Amino acid sequence: MMLNMQERLKLQHFLTIKKLENDQVKGLIERAEYFKAGGAVAEYSQPIYAVNMFFENSTRTHCSFEMAERKLGIQTIPFDPATSSVNKGETLYDTLLSLNSIGVNLAVIRHSKNEYYNDLINLNNTQKLNMGIINAGDGSGQHPSQCLLDMMTIHEQFGHFKGLKVAIIGDLTNSRVARSDMRLLQQLGAEIYFSGPEYWYSSEFEEFGKYGKVDELIDQMDVVILLRVQHERHQKEVSFSPTAYHSEYGLTIERYARMKERAIIMHPGPINRGVELASDLVEAPKSRFSMQMKNGVFMRMAMIEAVINGRGLGGEK
């Protein structure tokens, strides 16, 4: 859907899905679908520069944002946390201030600290940072781009959200995907269910959905979102059996066979094959794993464009 400049979403930053209204979510999905269908991107009379700062390992999100930037005609500035002055004790704010001073307009950031961005946007009278911040994941907090590409993928399959039954299964405790998806899915009218080891389920999830056993839920769900077991955040848990986890909580071939005909499987990646999901199911007909990655580029284009519009960057022709 081609929208004129006045109709498009405008944001100073893109940090969380918490304040997005349903019509804004719909607008982002429509804009991403427009890009996916080959719709033309805006032409700018002035260059826009972006930096991608990933302080945690990433393949999908990092490469997807860079592809989105290139498709929008944005010039990206290389940044490697391992060789940056952050390792000399420089604050994230001062690093961004330096990049802003040489002309960088946008920063896509993934960081291990929850709500790291507060120090970058809540400025005092002496601070001059003038840069759009796009959150690519903050600790165990939010993952807005993954959430919105998930919404796009679900919308492509069903055309709506109201009344859909969605199970989120796995490492709930450490999942920013779960925290983002559950909030927006509930807001859009879906019914949320949680499963996985009960010690990863806590009271914070109760206002969004119910807990149930995988085998009690699997044949009732329209969407099954599997979460990666984040071994790097479970260092104190010395005993973990991939085989036992897969048997009790994973999507096995047998459970797959019990799913609804139109039901779909989603996973934010990276997948632990044979743990959350049987290896033979990664590219099965119901799997949308590759489609999520594809949709992610177009959704991130829509998100970046919203910040470009909100900050008046580029001088659109």
Protein backbone atom coordinates (compact mmCIF):
# COMPACT_ATOMS: atom_id res chain seq x y z
CA MET A 1 0.00 0.00 0.00
CA MET A 2 1.53 3.30 -1.13
CA LEU A 3 1.18 5.96 1.56
CA ASN A 4 2.10 9.58 1.14
CA MET A 5 4.57 11.23 3.50
CA GLN A 6 1.83 12.67 5.71
CA GLU A 7 0.19 9.27 6.28
CA ARG A 8 3.32 7.35 7.27
CA LEU A 9 4.28 6.64 10.88
CA LYS A 10 6.70 9.17 12.36
CA LEU A 11 8.83 8.38 15.41
CA GLN A 12 11.85 10.05 17.01
CA HIS A 13 13.13 6.63 18.11
CA PHE A 14 11.93 3.01 17.84
CA LEU A 15 12.55 1.47 21.25
CA THR A 16 9.63 -0.70 22.32
CA ILE A 17 6.24 -1.95 21.16
CA LYS A 18 4.59 -0.91 24.44
CA LYS A 19 3.25 2.42 23.15
CA LEU A 20 2.28 1.30 19.65
CA GLU A 21 -1.42 1.56 18.90
CA ASN A 22 -3.19 -1.04 16.78
CA ASP A 23 -3.54 1.26 13.78
CA GLN A 24 0.19 1.98 13.94
CA VAL A 25 0.96 -1.75 13.97
CA LYS A 26 -1.38 -2.22 11.02
CA GLY A 27 0.34 0.65 9.20
CA LEU A 28 3.77 -0.88 9.75
CA ILE A 29 2.57 -4.27 8.47
CA GLU A 30 1.02 -2.65 5.39
CA ARG A 31 4.18 -0.66 4.70
CA ALA A 32 6.37 -3.77 5.09
CA GLU A 33 4.06 -5.72 2.77
CA TYR A 34 4.31 -2.86 0.27
CA PHE A 35 8.10 -3.11 0.30
CA LYS A 36 7.91 -6.91 0.04
CA ALA A 37 5.70 -6.59 -3.05
CA GLY A 38 8.40 -4.50 -4.73
CA GLY A 39 7.09 -1.06 -3.82
CA ALA A 40 9.44 1.84 -4.46
CA VAL A 41 11.41 3.31 -1.59
CA ALA A 42 11.55 7.05 -0.96
CA GLU A 43 14.19 9.08 -2.75
CA TYR A 44 16.27 11.39 -0.58
CA SER A 45 18.11 14.54 -1.58
CA GLN A 46 20.56 14.27 1.32
CA PRO A 47 22.55 11.26 2.53
CA ILE A 48 21.49 9.36 5.68
CA TYR A 49 24.15 7.57 7.72
CA ALA A 50 23.51 4.68 10.10
CA VAL A 51 25.64 2.61 12.46
CA ASN A 52 24.78 -0.90 13.66
CA MET A 53 26.10 -1.49 17.18
CA PHE A 54 25.66 -5.08 18.33
CA PHE A 55 27.13 -5.73 21.75
CA GLU A 56 25.68 -9.26 21.74
CA ASN A 57 26.18 -11.91 19.07
CA SER A 58 23.73 -11.75 16.19
CA THR A 59 23.41 -13.04 12.65
CA ARG A 60 19.77 -12.62 11.62
CA THR A 61 18.96 -9.29 13.23
CA HIS A 62 22.30 -7.65 12.40
CA CYS A 63 22.35 -8.72 8.75
CA SER A 64 18.64 -8.03 8.36
CA PHE A 65 18.99 -4.44 9.59
CA GLU A 66 21.96 -3.88 7.30
CA MET A 67 20.04 -5.24 4.32
CA ALA A 68 17.07 -3.04 5.21
CA GLU A 69 19.32 0.01 5.39
CA ARG A 70 20.88 -0.74 2.02
CA LYS A 71 17.48 -1.25 0.40
CA LEU A 72 16.43 2.16 1.73
CA GLY A 73 19.55 3.77 0.29
CA ILE A 74 21.13 4.47 3.69
CA GLN A 75 24.90 4.49 4.00
CA THR A 76 26.17 2.31 6.86
CA ILE A 77 29.26 3.05 8.94
CA PRO A 78 31.16 -0.05 10.16
CA PHE A 79 31.35 -0.59 13.92
CA ASP A 80 32.99 -3.48 15.77
CA PRO A 81 32.42 -3.53 19.54
CA ALA A 82 35.52 -5.70 20.00
CA THR A 83 37.79 -2.92 18.71
CA SER A 84 35.81 0.12 19.85
CA SER A 85 36.70 2.57 22.62
CA VAL A 86 33.93 1.05 24.74
CA ASN A 87 36.63 -1.42 25.73
CA LYS A 88 38.68 1.50 27.08
CA GLY A 89 35.83 2.51 29.36
CA GLU A 90 34.04 4.93 27.06
CA THR A 91 30.32 5.17 27.78
CA LEU A 92 27.78 4.25 25.14
CA TYR A 93 26.56 7.85 25.21
CA ASP A 94 30.04 9.21 24.45
CA THR A 95 30.56 6.69 21.65
CA LEU A 96 27.31 7.82 20.04
CA LEU A 97 28.16 11.48 20.62
CA SER A 98 31.39 10.95 18.67
CA LEU A 99 29.59 9.18 15.83
CA ASN A 100 26.87 11.84 15.79
CA SER A 101 29.55 14.53 15.55
CA ILE A 102 30.95 13.02 12.34
CA GLY A 103 27.50 12.85 10.76
CA VAL A 104 25.81 9.60 11.79
CA ASN A 105 22.02 10.07 11.99
CA LEU A 106 20.74 6.67 13.14
CA ALA A 107 22.01 3.98 15.50
CA VAL A 108 20.66 0.43 15.60
CA ILE A 109 21.73 -1.03 18.94
CA ARG A 110 21.59 -4.42 20.64
CA HIS A 111 22.76 -4.40 24.23
CA SER A 112 22.77 -6.76 27.20
CA LYS A 113 21.39 -4.09 29.55
CA ASN A 114 17.62 -3.77 29.82
CA GLU A 115 16.43 -0.34 28.67
CA TYR A 116 19.97 0.79 27.88
CA TYR A 117 18.41 3.46 25.68
CA ASN A 118 17.09 5.55 28.58
CA ASP A 119 20.53 7.14 29.00
CA LEU A 120 20.52 8.07 25.31
CA ILE A 121 17.11 9.72 25.02
CA ASN A 122 16.43 11.27 28.45
CA LEU A 123 18.94 14.07 28.07
CA ASN A 124 19.67 16.96 30.42
CA ASN A 125 20.13 20.57 29.34
CA THR A 126 23.84 20.16 28.67
CA GLN A 127 23.63 17.05 26.48
CA LYS A 128 23.45 17.51 22.71
CA LEU A 129 23.10 13.98 21.27
CA ASN A 130 20.82 14.20 18.23
CA MET A 131 20.47 10.69 16.86
CA GLY A 132 17.58 8.31 16.20
CA ILE A 133 17.89 5.14 18.29
CA ILE A 134 16.42 1.87 17.02
CA ASN A 135 16.37 -0.93 19.58
CA ALA A 136 17.57 -4.25 18.16
CA GLY A 137 17.11 -5.97 21.53
CA ASP A 138 17.79 -4.96 25.13
CA GLY A 139 18.78 -7.72 27.56
CA SER A 140 15.72 -9.72 28.52
CA GLY A 141 13.48 -6.71 27.86
CA GLN A 142 12.16 -5.96 24.37
CA HIS A 143 12.82 -7.02 20.78
CA PRO A 144 10.50 -4.76 18.77
CA SER A 145 11.69 -5.69 15.28
CA GLN A 146 11.36 -9.44 15.93
CA CYS A 147 7.92 -8.85 17.42
CA LEU A 148 6.71 -6.86 14.43
CA LEU A 149 8.09 -9.28 11.84
CA ASP A 150 6.30 -12.03 13.78
CA MET A 151 3.06 -10.02 13.55
CA MET A 152 3.60 -9.59 9.82
CA THR A 153 4.18 -13.33 9.37
CA ILE A 154 1.03 -14.22 11.33
CA HIS A 155 -0.99 -11.62 9.42
CA GLU A 156 0.17 -13.06 6.09
CA GLN A 157 -1.17 -16.47 7.10
CA PHE A 158 -4.47 -15.52 8.72
CA GLY A 159 -5.23 -11.90 7.75
CA HIS A 160 -6.19 -11.05 11.34
CA PHE A 161 -5.25 -11.61 14.98
CA LYS A 162 -8.53 -11.59 16.87
CA GLY A 163 -9.33 -14.97 18.39
CA LEU A 164 -6.17 -16.71 17.18
CA LYS A 165 -4.71 -19.14 19.70
CA VAL A 166 -0.97 -18.67 20.08
CA ALA A 167 1.37 -20.81 22.18
CA ILE A 168 4.75 -19.43 23.25
CA ILE A 169 6.91 -22.36 24.36
CA GLY A 170 10.35 -22.53 25.89
CA ASP A 171 12.81 -20.28 27.69
CA LEU A 172 10.34 -17.64 28.84
CA THR A 173 12.52 -16.25 31.62
CA ASN A 174 15.20 -14.85 29.33
CA SER A 175 13.15 -14.17 26.23
CA ARG A 176 12.70 -10.60 25.01
CA VAL A 177 10.78 -12.14 22.09
CA ALA A 178 8.21 -13.62 24.49
CA ARG A 179 7.84 -10.33 26.36
CA SER A 180 7.32 -8.36 23.16
CA ASP A 181 5.10 -10.87 21.34
CA MET A 182 2.80 -11.62 24.27
CA ARG A 183 2.08 -7.96 24.86
CA LEU A 184 1.31 -7.07 21.27
CA LEU A 185 -0.58 -10.28 20.49
CA GLN A 186 -2.86 -9.71 23.47
CA GLN A 187 -3.39 -6.10 22.42
CA LEU A 188 -4.35 -7.26 18.91
CA GLY A 189 -6.91 -9.74 20.27
CA ALA A 190 -5.13 -13.10 20.20
CA GLU A 191 -5.40 -15.69 22.99
CA ILE A 192 -1.99 -16.43 24.52
CA TYR A 193 -0.81 -19.68 26.09
CA PHE A 194 2.58 -20.48 27.58
CA SER A 195 4.44 -23.75 27.97
CA GLY A 196 7.86 -25.19 28.67
CA PRO A 197 9.62 -25.90 31.97
CA GLU A 198 7.49 -24.46 34.76
CA TYR A 199 10.54 -22.97 36.49
CA TRP A 200 10.89 -20.64 33.47
CA TYR A 201 7.29 -19.45 33.89
CA SER A 202 6.64 -16.72 36.45
CA SER A 203 3.82 -14.46 37.62
CA GLU A 204 4.79 -11.73 35.13
CA PHE A 205 3.24 -13.82 32.35
CA GLU A 206 -0.09 -14.43 34.07
CA GLU A 207 -1.77 -11.21 32.91
CA PHE A 208 -1.07 -12.14 29.29
CA GLY A 209 -2.05 -15.81 29.14
CA LYS A 210 -2.37 -19.24 30.69
CA TYR A 211 0.21 -21.95 31.25
CA GLY A 212 -0.43 -25.43 29.87
CA LYS A 213 1.37 -28.65 29.03
CA VAL A 214 2.66 -28.88 25.46
CA ASP A 215 0.64 -32.01 24.71
CA GLU A 216 -2.54 -30.36 26.00
CA LEU A 217 -2.08 -27.32 23.75
CA ILE A 218 -0.53 -28.50 20.51
CA ASP A 219 -3.68 -29.58 18.64
CA GLN A 220 -5.60 -26.44 19.63
CA MET A 221 -3.12 -23.76 18.53
CA ASP A 222 -3.13 -21.69 15.36
CA VAL A 223 0.41 -20.44 15.95
CA VAL A 224 3.22 -22.16 17.85
CA ILE A 225 6.16 -19.89 18.71
CA LEU A 226 9.17 -21.86 19.91
CA LEU A 227 11.84 -20.06 21.91
CA ARG A 228 15.52 -20.89 21.87
CA VAL A 229 16.94 -22.34 25.06
CA GLN A 230 19.47 -19.63 25.91
CA HIS A 231 22.29 -21.72 27.34
CA GLU A 232 24.52 -18.66 27.72
CA ARG A 233 22.06 -17.20 30.25
CA HIS A 234 21.74 -20.46 32.20
CA GLN A 235 25.32 -20.95 33.27
CA LYS A 236 24.31 -22.05 36.77
CA GLU A 237 22.17 -24.85 35.40
CA VAL A 238 24.78 -27.56 35.02
CA SER A 239 22.39 -30.36 34.12
CA PHE A 240 20.55 -29.97 30.83
CA SER A 241 19.60 -32.83 28.56
CA PRO A 242 18.72 -31.79 24.98
CA THR A 243 17.06 -35.17 24.42
CA ALA A 244 14.92 -34.91 27.56
CA TYR A 245 13.93 -31.31 26.78
CA HIS A 246 12.92 -32.21 23.23
CA SER A 247 10.89 -35.16 24.44
CA GLU A 248 8.97 -33.18 27.04
CA TYR A 249 8.74 -29.65 25.60
CA GLY A 250 9.97 -29.67 22.00
CA LEU A 251 8.05 -29.90 18.77
CA THR A 252 8.55 -33.53 17.82
CA ILE A 253 7.44 -35.19 14.60
CA GLU A 254 4.53 -36.72 16.51
CA ARG A 255 3.36 -33.39 17.92
CA TYR A 256 3.68 -31.78 14.48
CA ALA A 257 1.29 -34.39 13.10
CA ARG A 258 -1.34 -33.35 15.65
CA MET A 259 -1.32 -29.66 14.71
CA LYS A 260 -4.24 -27.96 12.96
CA GLU A 261 -4.15 -28.05 9.17
CA ARG A 262 -3.54 -24.28 8.82
CA ALA A 263 -1.42 -23.88 11.94
CA ILE A 264 2.08 -22.46 11.61
CA ILE A 265 5.37 -22.84 13.50
CA MET A 266 7.62 -19.88 14.26
CA HIS A 267 11.05 -19.54 15.86
CA PRO A 268 13.15 -16.36 16.25
CA GLY A 269 16.41 -18.26 15.73
CA PRO A 270 19.00 -19.47 16.10
CA ILE A 271 17.42 -22.90 16.38
CA ASN A 272 18.84 -25.62 18.58
CA ARG A 273 17.96 -28.49 16.23
CA GLY A 274 16.62 -31.50 18.06
CA VAL A 275 15.91 -29.40 21.15
CA GLU A 276 13.12 -26.87 20.54
CA LEU A 277 12.31 -28.35 17.16
CA ALA A 278 12.99 -31.62 15.40
CA SER A 279 15.62 -31.03 12.72
CA ASP A 280 13.36 -32.37 9.96
CA LEU A 281 10.72 -29.75 10.82
CA VAL A 282 12.86 -26.61 10.33
CA GLU A 283 11.77 -26.41 6.69
CA ALA A 284 8.50 -28.34 6.99
CA PRO A 285 5.33 -27.00 5.30
CA LYS A 286 4.00 -25.45 8.50
CA SER A 287 7.34 -23.84 9.39
CA ARG A 288 7.67 -20.09 8.80
CA PHE A 289 11.28 -19.87 10.01
CA SER A 290 12.72 -18.76 6.65
CA MET A 291 9.72 -16.55 5.95
CA GLN A 292 10.25 -14.74 9.25
CA MET A 293 13.79 -13.91 8.17
CA LYS A 294 12.58 -12.69 4.79
CA ASN A 295 9.82 -10.59 6.33
CA GLY A 296 12.28 -9.15 8.83
CA VAL A 297 14.07 -7.14 6.15
CA PHE A 298 10.86 -5.46 5.00
CA MET A 299 9.54 -4.82 8.49
CA ARG A 300 12.86 -3.28 9.52
CA MET A 301 12.68 -1.08 6.42
CA ALA A 302 9.29 0.16 7.65
CA MET A 303 10.63 0.75 11.17
CA ILE A 304 13.73 2.64 10.00
CA GLU A 305 11.60 4.71 7.63
CA ALA A 306 9.34 5.69 10.54
CA VAL A 307 12.34 7.14 12.39
CA ILE A 308 13.63 8.85 9.23
CA ASN A 309 10.21 10.46 8.83
CA GLY A 310 9.95 11.38 12.48
CA ARG A 311 13.32 13.12 12.48
CA GLY A 312 12.93 14.71 9.07
CA LEU A 313 16.09 13.09 7.69
CA GLY A 314 17.20 12.91 4.09
CA GLY A 315 15.00 15.59 2.56
CA GLU A 316 12.60 13.23 0.80
CA LYS A 317 12.00 14.29 -2.80
